[in-house]
Amino acid sequence: MMTQFVHYQNKQPRDNRRNVNLNDSETMLFDAMSRITGTPIAIIIREFALRHAIRLIMDTDQSILDRIMNTGAPEHLQRG
């Protein structure tokens, strides 16, 4: 099983909801993973997103966090 999850009687409040638009092949992949593992698709996607975010932050070459921290205010403001 990909992950252990707890079914809560009351749903946890989530103030920062995001929508994910999947194409047909991505939907089929996540549907198959859900059926194989018994894990809801939303939990699979959330776990993948968190693992990927952690890998990006921990990247040893030059992490995204390092690049953000080493960028001066003018560079951040010019992107907008």
Protein backbone atom coordinates (compact mmCIF):
# COMPACT_ATOMS: atom_id res chain seq x y z
CA MET A 1 0.00 0.00 0.00
CA MET A 2 1.33 3.40 -0.95
CA THR A 3 0.36 5.16 2.25
CA GLN A 4 -1.62 4.61 5.38
CA PHE A 5 -4.54 6.95 5.78
CA VAL A 6 -7.06 7.48 8.52
CA HIS A 7 -10.71 7.97 7.78
CA TYR A 8 -11.86 10.85 9.96
CA GLN A 9 -15.48 11.12 11.04
CA ASN A 10 -15.23 14.88 10.64
CA LYS A 11 -13.28 16.13 7.66
CA GLN A 12 -10.19 18.14 8.43
CA PRO A 13 -10.58 21.82 7.57
CA ARG A 14 -8.62 22.77 4.47
CA ASP A 15 -8.46 26.47 3.76
CA ASN A 16 -5.92 26.24 0.94
CA ARG A 17 -7.68 24.06 -1.62
CA ARG A 18 -6.23 23.74 -5.11
CA ASN A 19 -7.75 22.16 -8.22
CA VAL A 20 -5.76 19.78 -10.38
CA ASN A 21 -6.84 19.27 -13.99
CA LEU A 22 -5.77 15.86 -15.27
CA ASN A 23 -5.85 14.60 -18.85
CA ASP A 24 -7.46 11.23 -19.61
CA SER A 25 -4.25 9.18 -19.33
CA GLU A 26 -3.32 10.81 -16.01
CA THR A 27 -6.82 10.11 -14.70
CA MET A 28 -6.53 6.47 -15.76
CA LEU A 29 -3.14 6.17 -14.06
CA PHE A 30 -4.34 7.61 -10.75
CA ASP A 31 -7.55 5.58 -10.93
CA ALA A 32 -5.53 2.37 -11.39
CA MET A 33 -3.18 3.30 -8.54
CA SER A 34 -6.16 3.98 -6.31
CA ARG A 35 -7.75 0.62 -7.12
CA ILE A 36 -4.47 -1.26 -6.60
CA THR A 37 -3.57 0.42 -3.29
CA GLY A 38 -7.04 1.12 -1.93
CA THR A 39 -5.92 4.71 -1.33
CA PRO A 40 -8.15 7.59 -2.46
CA ILE A 41 -6.84 9.50 -5.49
CA ALA A 42 -6.70 12.81 -3.59
CA ILE A 43 -4.36 11.28 -1.01
CA ILE A 44 -2.11 9.81 -3.72
CA ILE A 45 -1.84 13.18 -5.49
CA ARG A 46 -1.23 15.02 -2.19
CA GLU A 47 1.53 12.57 -1.21
CA PHE A 48 3.21 12.86 -4.63
CA ALA A 49 3.06 16.66 -4.42
CA LEU A 50 4.56 16.74 -0.93
CA ARG A 51 7.33 14.28 -1.79
CA HIS A 52 8.21 16.23 -4.93
CA ALA A 53 8.23 19.54 -3.05
CA ILE A 54 10.55 18.10 -0.40
CA ARG A 55 12.90 16.74 -3.07
CA LEU A 56 13.02 20.15 -4.77
CA ILE A 57 13.84 21.88 -1.50
CA MET A 58 16.48 19.31 -0.55
CA ASP A 59 18.17 19.31 -3.99
CA THR A 60 21.90 19.56 -3.29
CA ASP A 61 22.99 21.33 -6.50
CA GLN A 62 21.24 24.58 -5.78
CA SER A 63 17.85 24.21 -4.28
CA ILE A 64 14.90 26.38 -5.16
CA LEU A 65 14.97 27.59 -1.56
CA ASP A 66 18.61 28.71 -1.98
CA ARG A 67 17.80 30.49 -5.23
CA ILE A 68 14.87 32.30 -3.62
CA MET A 69 16.90 33.28 -0.57
CA ASN A 70 19.84 34.49 -2.70
CA THR A 71 17.67 36.57 -5.03
CA GLY A 72 17.45 40.21 -4.11
CA ALA A 73 14.20 42.12 -3.75
CA PRO A 74 14.49 43.86 -7.17
CA GLU A 75 14.69 40.48 -8.96
CA HIS A 76 11.62 39.20 -7.09
CA LEU A 77 9.66 42.35 -7.93
CA GLN A 78 10.61 42.28 -11.63
CA ARG A 79 9.01 38.84 -12.09
CA GLY A 80 5.50 40.11 -11.34
